Amino acid sequence: IALYGKKEGIEQMGEDMCSRIAPGQHPG
């Protein structure tokens, strides 16, 4: 949030979780 702003920060966090973390951590 400090880096991107409130809405964009949470959206970017979600995007990073889905595109950068989940591929190697979530079974699906």
mmCIF file of all heavy atoms, coordinates in Angstrom:
data_MODEL
# 
_entry.id   MODEL 
# 
loop_
_atom_site.group_PDB 
_atom_site.id 
_atom_site.type_symbol 
_atom_site.label_atom_id 
_atom_site.label_alt_id 
_atom_site.label_comp_id 
_atom_site.label_asym_id 
_atom_site.label_entity_id 
_atom_site.label_seq_id 
_atom_site.pdbx_PDB_ins_code 
_atom_site.Cartn_x 
_atom_site.Cartn_y 
_atom_site.Cartn_z 
_atom_site.occupancy 
_atom_site.B_iso_or_equiv 
_atom_site.pdbx_formal_charge 
_atom_site.auth_seq_id 
_atom_site.auth_comp_id 
_atom_site.auth_asym_id 
_atom_site.auth_atom_id 
_atom_site.pdbx_PDB_model_num 
ATOM 1   N N   . ILE A 1 1  ? 0.831  -1.203  0.000   1.00 0.00 ? 1  ILE A N   1 
ATOM 2   C CA  . ILE A 1 1  ? 0.000  0.000   0.000   1.00 0.00 ? 1  ILE A CA  1 
ATOM 3   C C   . ILE A 1 1  ? 0.863  1.249   0.000   1.00 0.00 ? 1  ILE A C   1 
ATOM 4   O O   . ILE A 1 1  ? 0.584  2.210   -0.729  1.00 0.00 ? 1  ILE A O   1 
ATOM 5   C CB  . ILE A 1 1  ? -0.972 -0.027  1.196   1.00 0.00 ? 1  ILE A CB  1 
ATOM 6   C CG1 . ILE A 1 1  ? -2.024 -1.119  0.972   1.00 0.00 ? 1  ILE A CG1 1 
ATOM 7   C CG2 . ILE A 1 1  ? -1.623 1.331   1.418   1.00 0.00 ? 1  ILE A CG2 1 
ATOM 8   C CD1 . ILE A 1 1  ? -2.854 -1.453  2.199   1.00 0.00 ? 1  ILE A CD1 1 
ATOM 9   N N   . ALA A 1 2  ? 1.938  1.247   0.773   1.00 0.00 ? 2  ALA A N   1 
ATOM 10  C CA  . ALA A 1 2  ? 2.838  2.403   0.802   1.00 0.00 ? 2  ALA A CA  1 
ATOM 11  C C   . ALA A 1 2  ? 3.499  2.626   -0.554  1.00 0.00 ? 2  ALA A C   1 
ATOM 12  O O   . ALA A 1 2  ? 3.715  3.769   -0.961  1.00 0.00 ? 2  ALA A O   1 
ATOM 13  C CB  . ALA A 1 2  ? 3.912  2.199   1.879   1.00 0.00 ? 2  ALA A CB  1 
ATOM 14  N N   . LEU A 1 3  ? 3.780  1.557   -1.259  1.00 0.00 ? 3  LEU A N   1 
ATOM 15  C CA  . LEU A 1 3  ? 4.455  1.658   -2.550  1.00 0.00 ? 3  LEU A CA  1 
ATOM 16  C C   . LEU A 1 3  ? 3.509  2.034   -3.689  1.00 0.00 ? 3  LEU A C   1 
ATOM 17  O O   . LEU A 1 3  ? 3.833  2.882   -4.522  1.00 0.00 ? 3  LEU A O   1 
ATOM 18  C CB  . LEU A 1 3  ? 5.147  0.331   -2.877  1.00 0.00 ? 3  LEU A CB  1 
ATOM 19  C CG  . LEU A 1 3  ? 5.990  0.275   -4.139  1.00 0.00 ? 3  LEU A CG  1 
ATOM 20  C CD1 . LEU A 1 3  ? 7.129  1.289   -4.072  1.00 0.00 ? 3  LEU A CD1 1 
ATOM 21  C CD2 . LEU A 1 3  ? 6.551  -1.136  -4.314  1.00 0.00 ? 3  LEU A CD2 1 
ATOM 22  N N   . TYR A 1 4  ? 2.308  1.424   -3.706  1.00 0.00 ? 4  TYR A N   1 
ATOM 23  C CA  . TYR A 1 4  ? 1.403  1.579   -4.854  1.00 0.00 ? 4  TYR A CA  1 
ATOM 24  C C   . TYR A 1 4  ? 0.130  2.361   -4.563  1.00 0.00 ? 4  TYR A C   1 
ATOM 25  O O   . TYR A 1 4  ? -0.597 2.695   -5.488  1.00 0.00 ? 4  TYR A O   1 
ATOM 26  C CB  . TYR A 1 4  ? 0.976  0.199   -5.372  1.00 0.00 ? 4  TYR A CB  1 
ATOM 27  C CG  . TYR A 1 4  ? 2.100  -0.638  -5.923  1.00 0.00 ? 4  TYR A CG  1 
ATOM 28  C CD1 . TYR A 1 4  ? 2.648  -1.676  -5.177  1.00 0.00 ? 4  TYR A CD1 1 
ATOM 29  C CD2 . TYR A 1 4  ? 2.610  -0.416  -7.200  1.00 0.00 ? 4  TYR A CD2 1 
ATOM 30  C CE1 . TYR A 1 4  ? 3.665  -2.468  -5.686  1.00 0.00 ? 4  TYR A CE1 1 
ATOM 31  C CE2 . TYR A 1 4  ? 3.629  -1.199  -7.720  1.00 0.00 ? 4  TYR A CE2 1 
ATOM 32  C CZ  . TYR A 1 4  ? 4.148  -2.230  -6.950  1.00 0.00 ? 4  TYR A CZ  1 
ATOM 33  O OH  . TYR A 1 4  ? 5.156  -3.011  -7.457  1.00 0.00 ? 4  TYR A OH  1 
ATOM 34  N N   . GLY A 1 5  ? -0.191 2.599   -3.300  1.00 0.00 ? 5  GLY A N   1 
ATOM 35  C CA  . GLY A 1 5  ? -1.481 3.189   -2.951  1.00 0.00 ? 5  GLY A CA  1 
ATOM 36  C C   . GLY A 1 5  ? -2.424 2.091   -2.483  1.00 0.00 ? 5  GLY A C   1 
ATOM 37  O O   . GLY A 1 5  ? -2.165 0.901   -2.677  1.00 0.00 ? 5  GLY A O   1 
ATOM 38  N N   . LYS A 1 6  ? -3.542 2.480   -1.871  1.00 0.00 ? 6  LYS A N   1 
ATOM 39  C CA  . LYS A 1 6  ? -4.417 1.510   -1.215  1.00 0.00 ? 6  LYS A CA  1 
ATOM 40  C C   . LYS A 1 6  ? -4.994 0.470   -2.183  1.00 0.00 ? 6  LYS A C   1 
ATOM 41  O O   . LYS A 1 6  ? -4.754 -0.727  -2.025  1.00 0.00 ? 6  LYS A O   1 
ATOM 42  C CB  . LYS A 1 6  ? -5.544 2.235   -0.480  1.00 0.00 ? 6  LYS A CB  1 
ATOM 43  C CG  . LYS A 1 6  ? -6.293 1.330   0.457   1.00 0.00 ? 6  LYS A CG  1 
ATOM 44  C CD  . LYS A 1 6  ? -7.156 2.118   1.409   1.00 0.00 ? 6  LYS A CD  1 
ATOM 45  C CE  . LYS A 1 6  ? -7.711 1.193   2.473   1.00 0.00 ? 6  LYS A CE  1 
ATOM 46  N NZ  . LYS A 1 6  ? -8.374 1.904   3.525   1.00 0.00 ? 6  LYS A NZ  1 
ATOM 47  N N   . LYS A 1 7  ? -5.736 0.901   -3.175  1.00 0.00 ? 7  LYS A N   1 
ATOM 48  C CA  . LYS A 1 7  ? -6.377 -0.043  -4.107  1.00 0.00 ? 7  LYS A CA  1 
ATOM 49  C C   . LYS A 1 7  ? -5.343 -0.777  -4.941  1.00 0.00 ? 7  LYS A C   1 
ATOM 50  O O   . LYS A 1 7  ? -5.344 -2.009  -5.021  1.00 0.00 ? 7  LYS A O   1 
ATOM 51  C CB  . LYS A 1 7  ? -7.361 0.710   -5.001  1.00 0.00 ? 7  LYS A CB  1 
ATOM 52  C CG  . LYS A 1 7  ? -8.064 -0.164  -6.031  1.00 0.00 ? 7  LYS A CG  1 
ATOM 53  C CD  . LYS A 1 7  ? -9.007 0.679   -6.893  1.00 0.00 ? 7  LYS A CD  1 
ATOM 54  C CE  . LYS A 1 7  ? -9.721 -0.114  -7.948  1.00 0.00 ? 7  LYS A CE  1 
ATOM 55  N NZ  . LYS A 1 7  ? -8.853 -0.591  -9.016  1.00 0.00 ? 7  LYS A NZ  1 
ATOM 56  N N   . GLU A 1 8  ? -4.450 -0.023  -5.542  1.00 0.00 ? 8  GLU A N   1 
ATOM 57  C CA  . GLU A 1 8  ? -3.452 -0.622  -6.418  1.00 0.00 ? 8  GLU A CA  1 
ATOM 58  C C   . GLU A 1 8  ? -2.476 -1.514  -5.650  1.00 0.00 ? 8  GLU A C   1 
ATOM 59  O O   . GLU A 1 8  ? -1.999 -2.517  -6.173  1.00 0.00 ? 8  GLU A O   1 
ATOM 60  C CB  . GLU A 1 8  ? -2.678 0.466   -7.176  1.00 0.00 ? 8  GLU A CB  1 
ATOM 61  C CG  . GLU A 1 8  ? -3.524 1.237   -8.173  1.00 0.00 ? 8  GLU A CG  1 
ATOM 62  C CD  . GLU A 1 8  ? -4.375 2.341   -7.536  1.00 0.00 ? 8  GLU A CD  1 
ATOM 63  O OE1 . GLU A 1 8  ? -4.228 2.617   -6.321  1.00 0.00 ? 8  GLU A OE1 1 
ATOM 64  O OE2 . GLU A 1 8  ? -5.213 2.910   -8.261  1.00 0.00 ? 8  GLU A OE2 1 
ATOM 65  N N   . GLY A 1 9  ? -2.197 -1.163  -4.406  1.00 0.00 ? 9  GLY A N   1 
ATOM 66  C CA  . GLY A 1 9  ? -1.282 -1.966  -3.596  1.00 0.00 ? 9  GLY A CA  1 
ATOM 67  C C   . GLY A 1 9  ? -1.816 -3.351  -3.316  1.00 0.00 ? 9  GLY A C   1 
ATOM 68  O O   . GLY A 1 9  ? -1.100 -4.347  -3.474  1.00 0.00 ? 9  GLY A O   1 
ATOM 69  N N   . ILE A 1 10 ? -3.083 -3.415  -2.916  1.00 0.00 ? 10 ILE A N   1 
ATOM 70  C CA  . ILE A 1 10 ? -3.684 -4.719  -2.646  1.00 0.00 ? 10 ILE A CA  1 
ATOM 71  C C   . ILE A 1 10 ? -3.826 -5.508  -3.946  1.00 0.00 ? 10 ILE A C   1 
ATOM 72  O O   . ILE A 1 10 ? -3.589 -6.719  -3.982  1.00 0.00 ? 10 ILE A O   1 
ATOM 73  C CB  . ILE A 1 10 ? -5.043 -4.564  -1.933  1.00 0.00 ? 10 ILE A CB  1 
ATOM 74  C CG1 . ILE A 1 10 ? -4.842 -3.932  -0.556  1.00 0.00 ? 10 ILE A CG1 1 
ATOM 75  C CG2 . ILE A 1 10 ? -5.769 -5.898  -1.827  1.00 0.00 ? 10 ILE A CG2 1 
ATOM 76  C CD1 . ILE A 1 10 ? -3.967 -4.749  0.392   1.00 0.00 ? 10 ILE A CD1 1 
ATOM 77  N N   . GLU A 1 11 ? -4.186 -4.830  -5.027  1.00 0.00 ? 11 GLU A N   1 
ATOM 78  C CA  . GLU A 1 11 ? -4.294 -5.520  -6.316  1.00 0.00 ? 11 GLU A CA  1 
ATOM 79  C C   . GLU A 1 11 ? -2.935 -6.053  -6.773  1.00 0.00 ? 11 GLU A C   1 
ATOM 80  O O   . GLU A 1 11 ? -2.839 -7.186  -7.260  1.00 0.00 ? 11 GLU A O   1 
ATOM 81  C CB  . GLU A 1 11 ? -4.895 -4.588  -7.369  1.00 0.00 ? 11 GLU A CB  1 
ATOM 82  C CG  . GLU A 1 11 ? -6.376 -4.326  -7.138  1.00 0.00 ? 11 GLU A CG  1 
ATOM 83  C CD  . GLU A 1 11 ? -6.961 -3.279  -8.062  1.00 0.00 ? 11 GLU A CD  1 
ATOM 84  O OE1 . GLU A 1 11 ? -6.195 -2.633  -8.833  1.00 0.00 ? 11 GLU A OE1 1 
ATOM 85  O OE2 . GLU A 1 11 ? -8.192 -3.098  -8.031  1.00 0.00 ? 11 GLU A OE2 1 
ATOM 86  N N   . GLN A 1 12 ? -1.885 -5.264  -6.599  1.00 0.00 ? 12 GLN A N   1 
ATOM 87  C CA  . GLN A 1 12 ? -0.544 -5.709  -6.989  1.00 0.00 ? 12 GLN A CA  1 
ATOM 88  C C   . GLN A 1 12 ? -0.084 -6.872  -6.115  1.00 0.00 ? 12 GLN A C   1 
ATOM 89  O O   . GLN A 1 12 ? 0.529  -7.819  -6.594  1.00 0.00 ? 12 GLN A O   1 
ATOM 90  C CB  . GLN A 1 12 ? 0.460  -4.558  -6.912  1.00 0.00 ? 12 GLN A CB  1 
ATOM 91  C CG  . GLN A 1 12 ? 1.840  -4.925  -7.422  1.00 0.00 ? 12 GLN A CG  1 
ATOM 92  C CD  . GLN A 1 12 ? 1.841  -5.284  -8.897  1.00 0.00 ? 12 GLN A CD  1 
ATOM 93  O OE1 . GLN A 1 12 ? 1.317  -4.556  -9.726  1.00 0.00 ? 12 GLN A OE1 1 
ATOM 94  N NE2 . GLN A 1 12 ? 2.417  -6.422  -9.225  1.00 0.00 ? 12 GLN A NE2 1 
ATOM 95  N N   . MET A 1 13 ? -0.414 -6.807  -4.833  1.00 0.00 ? 13 MET A N   1 
ATOM 96  C CA  . MET A 1 13 ? -0.077 -7.906  -3.929  1.00 0.00 ? 13 MET A CA  1 
ATOM 97  C C   . MET A 1 13 ? -0.763 -9.190  -4.400  1.00 0.00 ? 13 MET A C   1 
ATOM 98  O O   . MET A 1 13 ? -0.138 -10.262 -4.452  1.00 0.00 ? 13 MET A O   1 
ATOM 99  C CB  . MET A 1 13 ? -0.511 -7.545  -2.509  1.00 0.00 ? 13 MET A CB  1 
ATOM 100 C CG  . MET A 1 13 ? -0.120 -8.548  -1.463  1.00 0.00 ? 13 MET A CG  1 
ATOM 101 S SD  . MET A 1 13 ? -0.632 -7.916  0.169   1.00 0.00 ? 13 MET A SD  1 
ATOM 102 C CE  . MET A 1 13 ? -0.359 -9.357  1.161   1.00 0.00 ? 13 MET A CE  1 
ATOM 103 N N   . GLY A 1 14 ? -2.037 -9.090  -4.746  1.00 0.00 ? 14 GLY A N   1 
ATOM 104 C CA  . GLY A 1 14 ? -2.774 -10.252 -5.251  1.00 0.00 ? 14 GLY A CA  1 
ATOM 105 C C   . GLY A 1 14 ? -2.208 -10.763 -6.556  1.00 0.00 ? 14 GLY A C   1 
ATOM 106 O O   . GLY A 1 14 ? -2.079 -11.978 -6.768  1.00 0.00 ? 14 GLY A O   1 
ATOM 107 N N   . GLU A 1 15 ? -1.848 -9.835  -7.444  1.00 0.00 ? 15 GLU A N   1 
ATOM 108 C CA  . GLU A 1 15 ? -1.266 -10.227 -8.728  1.00 0.00 ? 15 GLU A CA  1 
ATOM 109 C C   . GLU A 1 15 ? 0.067  -10.949 -8.522  1.00 0.00 ? 15 GLU A C   1 
ATOM 110 O O   . GLU A 1 15 ? 0.325  -11.986 -9.143  1.00 0.00 ? 15 GLU A O   1 
ATOM 111 C CB  . GLU A 1 15 ? -1.071 -8.987  -9.598  1.00 0.00 ? 15 GLU A CB  1 
ATOM 112 C CG  . GLU A 1 15 ? -0.633 -9.302  -11.007 1.00 0.00 ? 15 GLU A CG  1 
ATOM 113 C CD  . GLU A 1 15 ? -0.579 -8.058  -11.883 1.00 0.00 ? 15 GLU A CD  1 
ATOM 114 O OE1 . GLU A 1 15 ? -1.468 -7.198  -11.759 1.00 0.00 ? 15 GLU A OE1 1 
ATOM 115 O OE2 . GLU A 1 15 ? 0.360  -7.971  -12.690 1.00 0.00 ? 15 GLU A OE2 1 
ATOM 116 N N   . ASP A 1 16 ? 0.905  -10.418 -7.640  1.00 0.00 ? 16 ASP A N   1 
ATOM 117 C CA  . ASP A 1 16 ? 2.188  -11.067 -7.364  1.00 0.00 ? 16 ASP A CA  1 
ATOM 118 C C   . ASP A 1 16 ? 1.981  -12.431 -6.728  1.00 0.00 ? 16 ASP A C   1 
ATOM 119 O O   . ASP A 1 16 ? 2.696  -13.392 -7.044  1.00 0.00 ? 16 ASP A O   1 
ATOM 120 C CB  . ASP A 1 16 ? 3.052  -10.187 -6.457  1.00 0.00 ? 16 ASP A CB  1 
ATOM 121 C CG  . ASP A 1 16 ? 3.636  -8.986  -7.193  1.00 0.00 ? 16 ASP A CG  1 
ATOM 122 O OD1 . ASP A 1 16 ? 3.585  -8.960  -8.441  1.00 0.00 ? 16 ASP A OD1 1 
ATOM 123 O OD2 . ASP A 1 16 ? 4.141  -8.077  -6.504  1.00 0.00 ? 16 ASP A OD2 1 
ATOM 124 N N   . MET A 1 17 ? 0.997  -12.533 -5.840  1.00 0.00 ? 17 MET A N   1 
ATOM 125 C CA  . MET A 1 17 ? 0.707  -13.818 -5.209  1.00 0.00 ? 17 MET A CA  1 
ATOM 126 C C   . MET A 1 17 ? 0.299  -14.840 -6.263  1.00 0.00 ? 17 MET A C   1 
ATOM 127 O O   . MET A 1 17 ? 0.787  -15.978 -6.256  1.00 0.00 ? 17 MET A O   1 
ATOM 128 C CB  . MET A 1 17 ? -0.404 -13.655 -4.170  1.00 0.00 ? 17 MET A CB  1 
ATOM 129 C CG  . MET A 1 17 ? -0.798 -14.948 -3.508  1.00 0.00 ? 17 MET A CG  1 
ATOM 130 S SD  . MET A 1 17 ? 0.474  -15.637 -2.469  1.00 0.00 ? 17 MET A SD  1 
ATOM 131 C CE  . MET A 1 17 ? 0.109  -14.818 -0.955  1.00 0.00 ? 17 MET A CE  1 
ATOM 132 N N   . CYS A 1 18 ? -0.577 -14.427 -7.166  1.00 0.00 ? 18 CYS A N   1 
ATOM 133 C CA  . CYS A 1 18 ? -1.076 -15.362 -8.190  1.00 0.00 ? 18 CYS A CA  1 
ATOM 134 C C   . CYS A 1 18 ? -0.031 -15.682 -9.249  1.00 0.00 ? 18 CYS A C   1 
ATOM 135 O O   . CYS A 1 18 ? 0.137  -16.834 -9.627  1.00 0.00 ? 18 CYS A O   1 
ATOM 136 C CB  . CYS A 1 18 ? -2.325 -14.790 -8.852  1.00 0.00 ? 18 CYS A CB  1 
ATOM 137 S SG  . CYS A 1 18 ? -3.757 -14.762 -7.762  1.00 0.00 ? 18 CYS A SG  1 
ATOM 138 N N   . SER A 1 19 ? 0.669  -14.670 -9.730  1.00 0.00 ? 19 SER A N   1 
ATOM 139 C CA  . SER A 1 19 ? 1.560  -14.898 -10.870 1.00 0.00 ? 19 SER A CA  1 
ATOM 140 C C   . SER A 1 19 ? 2.987  -15.280 -10.491 1.00 0.00 ? 19 SER A C   1 
ATOM 141 O O   . SER A 1 19 ? 3.676  -15.918 -11.280 1.00 0.00 ? 19 SER A O   1 
ATOM 142 C CB  . SER A 1 19 ? 1.591  -13.657 -11.762 1.00 0.00 ? 19 SER A CB  1 
ATOM 143 O OG  . SER A 1 19 ? 2.195  -12.564 -11.091 1.00 0.00 ? 19 SER A OG  1 
ATOM 144 N N   . ARG A 1 20 ? 3.422  -14.911 -9.287  1.00 0.00 ? 20 ARG A N   1 
ATOM 145 C CA  . ARG A 1 20 ? 4.828  -15.149 -8.952  1.00 0.00 ? 20 ARG A CA  1 
ATOM 146 C C   . ARG A 1 20 ? 5.040  -16.151 -7.824  1.00 0.00 ? 20 ARG A C   1 
ATOM 147 O O   . ARG A 1 20 ? 6.097  -16.762 -7.735  1.00 0.00 ? 20 ARG A O   1 
ATOM 148 C CB  . ARG A 1 20 ? 5.488  -13.819 -8.592  1.00 0.00 ? 20 ARG A CB  1 
ATOM 149 C CG  . ARG A 1 20 ? 5.391  -12.821 -9.764  1.00 0.00 ? 20 ARG A CG  1 
ATOM 150 C CD  . ARG A 1 20 ? 5.945  -11.495 -9.414  1.00 0.00 ? 20 ARG A CD  1 
ATOM 151 N NE  . ARG A 1 20 ? 7.410  -11.575 -9.469  1.00 0.00 ? 20 ARG A NE  1 
ATOM 152 C CZ  . ARG A 1 20 ? 8.210  -10.585 -9.143  1.00 0.00 ? 20 ARG A CZ  1 
ATOM 153 N NH1 . ARG A 1 20 ? 7.702  -9.454  -8.729  1.00 0.00 ? 20 ARG A NH1 1 
ATOM 154 N NH2 . ARG A 1 20 ? 9.514  -10.719 -9.222  1.00 0.00 ? 20 ARG A NH2 1 
ATOM 155 N N   . ILE A 1 21 ? 4.066  -16.301 -6.951  1.00 0.00 ? 21 ILE A N   1 
ATOM 156 C CA  . ILE A 1 21 ? 4.244  -17.200 -5.810  1.00 0.00 ? 21 ILE A CA  1 
ATOM 157 C C   . ILE A 1 21 ? 3.460  -18.502 -6.006  1.00 0.00 ? 21 ILE A C   1 
ATOM 158 O O   . ILE A 1 21 ? 4.010  -19.591 -5.829  1.00 0.00 ? 21 ILE A O   1 
ATOM 159 C CB  . ILE A 1 21 ? 3.860  -16.503 -4.495  1.00 0.00 ? 21 ILE A CB  1 
ATOM 160 C CG1 . ILE A 1 21 ? 4.842  -15.350 -4.249  1.00 0.00 ? 21 ILE A CG1 1 
ATOM 161 C CG2 . ILE A 1 21 ? 3.862  -17.486 -3.327  1.00 0.00 ? 21 ILE A CG2 1 
ATOM 162 C CD1 . ILE A 1 21 ? 4.530  -14.486 -3.072  1.00 0.00 ? 21 ILE A CD1 1 
ATOM 163 N N   . ALA A 1 22 ? 2.194  -18.395 -6.370  1.00 0.00 ? 22 ALA A N   1 
ATOM 164 C CA  . ALA A 1 22 ? 1.349  -19.586 -6.494  1.00 0.00 ? 22 ALA A CA  1 
ATOM 165 C C   . ALA A 1 22 ? 1.893  -20.633 -7.472  1.00 0.00 ? 22 ALA A C   1 
ATOM 166 O O   . ALA A 1 22 ? 1.786  -21.825 -7.181  1.00 0.00 ? 22 ALA A O   1 
ATOM 167 C CB  . ALA A 1 22 ? -0.073 -19.194 -6.882  1.00 0.00 ? 22 ALA A CB  1 
ATOM 168 N N   . PRO A 1 23 ? 2.478  -20.242 -8.604  1.00 0.00 ? 23 PRO A N   1 
ATOM 169 C CA  . PRO A 1 23 ? 2.949  -21.283 -9.526  1.00 0.00 ? 23 PRO A CA  1 
ATOM 170 C C   . PRO A 1 23 ? 3.921  -22.282 -8.892  1.00 0.00 ? 23 PRO A C   1 
ATOM 171 O O   . PRO A 1 23 ? 3.907  -23.460 -9.234  1.00 0.00 ? 23 PRO A O   1 
ATOM 172 C CB  . PRO A 1 23 ? 3.627  -20.500 -10.648 1.00 0.00 ? 23 PRO A CB  1 
ATOM 173 C CG  . PRO A 1 23 ? 2.904  -19.192 -10.669 1.00 0.00 ? 23 PRO A CG  1 
ATOM 174 C CD  . PRO A 1 23 ? 2.628  -18.906 -9.211  1.00 0.00 ? 23 PRO A CD  1 
ATOM 175 N N   . GLY A 1 24 ? 4.716  -21.852 -7.960  1.00 0.00 ? 24 GLY A N   1 
ATOM 176 C CA  . GLY A 1 24 ? 5.663  -22.755 -7.321  1.00 0.00 ? 24 GLY A CA  1 
ATOM 177 C C   . GLY A 1 24 ? 5.221  -23.283 -5.969  1.00 0.00 ? 24 GLY A C   1 
ATOM 178 O O   . GLY A 1 24 ? 5.860  -24.169 -5.411  1.00 0.00 ? 24 GLY A O   1 
ATOM 179 N N   . GLN A 1 25 ? 4.128  -22.749 -5.423  1.00 0.00 ? 25 GLN A N   1 
ATOM 180 C CA  . GLN A 1 25 ? 3.727  -23.118 -4.067  1.00 0.00 ? 25 GLN A CA  1 
ATOM 181 C C   . GLN A 1 25 ? 2.366  -23.797 -3.976  1.00 0.00 ? 25 GLN A C   1 
ATOM 182 O O   . GLN A 1 25 ? 2.154  -24.622 -3.101  1.00 0.00 ? 25 GLN A O   1 
ATOM 183 C CB  . GLN A 1 25 ? 3.725  -21.873 -3.163  1.00 0.00 ? 25 GLN A CB  1 
ATOM 184 C CG  . GLN A 1 25 ? 5.070  -21.198 -3.049  1.00 0.00 ? 25 GLN A CG  1 
ATOM 185 C CD  . GLN A 1 25 ? 6.116  -22.082 -2.404  1.00 0.00 ? 25 GLN A CD  1 
ATOM 186 O OE1 . GLN A 1 25 ? 5.853  -22.795 -1.460  1.00 0.00 ? 25 GLN A OE1 1 
ATOM 187 N NE2 . GLN A 1 25 ? 7.330  -22.059 -2.949  1.00 0.00 ? 25 GLN A NE2 1 
ATOM 188 N N   . HIS A 1 26 ? 1.439  -23.445 -4.822  1.00 0.00 ? 26 HIS A N   1 
ATOM 189 C CA  . HIS A 1 26 ? 0.083  -24.024 -4.769  1.00 0.00 ? 26 HIS A CA  1 
ATOM 190 C C   . HIS A 1 26 ? 0.041  -25.226 -5.704  1.00 0.00 ? 26 HIS A C   1 
ATOM 191 O O   . HIS A 1 26 ? 0.514  -25.142 -6.833  1.00 0.00 ? 26 HIS A O   1 
ATOM 192 C CB  . HIS A 1 26 ? -0.955 -22.979 -5.197  1.00 0.00 ? 26 HIS A CB  1 
ATOM 193 C CG  . HIS A 1 26 ? -2.357 -23.379 -4.908  1.00 0.00 ? 26 HIS A CG  1 
ATOM 194 N ND1 . HIS A 1 26 ? -3.053 -24.266 -5.693  1.00 0.00 ? 26 HIS A ND1 1 
ATOM 195 C CD2 . HIS A 1 26 ? -3.199 -23.024 -3.902  1.00 0.00 ? 26 HIS A CD2 1 
ATOM 196 C CE1 . HIS A 1 26 ? -4.261 -24.426 -5.196  1.00 0.00 ? 26 HIS A CE1 1 
ATOM 197 N NE2 . HIS A 1 26 ? -4.372 -23.679 -4.108  1.00 0.00 ? 26 HIS A NE2 1 
ATOM 198 N N   . PRO A 1 27 ? -0.532 -26.348 -5.249  1.00 0.00 ? 27 PRO A N   1 
ATOM 199 C CA  . PRO A 1 27 ? -0.555 -27.545 -6.102  1.00 0.00 ? 27 PRO A CA  1 
ATOM 200 C C   . PRO A 1 27 ? -1.254 -27.314 -7.443  1.00 0.00 ? 27 PRO A C   1 
ATOM 201 O O   . PRO A 1 27 ? -0.907 -27.953 -8.435  1.00 0.00 ? 27 PRO A O   1 
ATOM 202 C CB  . PRO A 1 27 ? -1.309 -28.584 -5.277  1.00 0.00 ? 27 PRO A CB  1 
ATOM 203 C CG  . PRO A 1 27 ? -1.590 -27.993 -3.960  1.00 0.00 ? 27 PRO A CG  1 
ATOM 204 C CD  . PRO A 1 27 ? -1.141 -26.569 -3.952  1.00 0.00 ? 27 PRO A CD  1 
ATOM 205 N N   . GLY A 1 28 ? -2.207 -26.402 -7.482  1.00 0.00 ? 28 GLY A N   1 
ATOM 206 C CA  . GLY A 1 28 ? -2.908 -26.112 -8.731  1.00 0.00 ? 28 GLY A CA  1 
ATOM 207 C C   . GLY A 1 28 ? -2.331 -24.915 -9.464  1.00 0.00 ? 28 GLY A C   1 
ATOM 208 O O   . GLY A 1 28 ? -2.938 -24.413 -10.417 1.00 0.00 ? 28 GLY A O   1 
# 
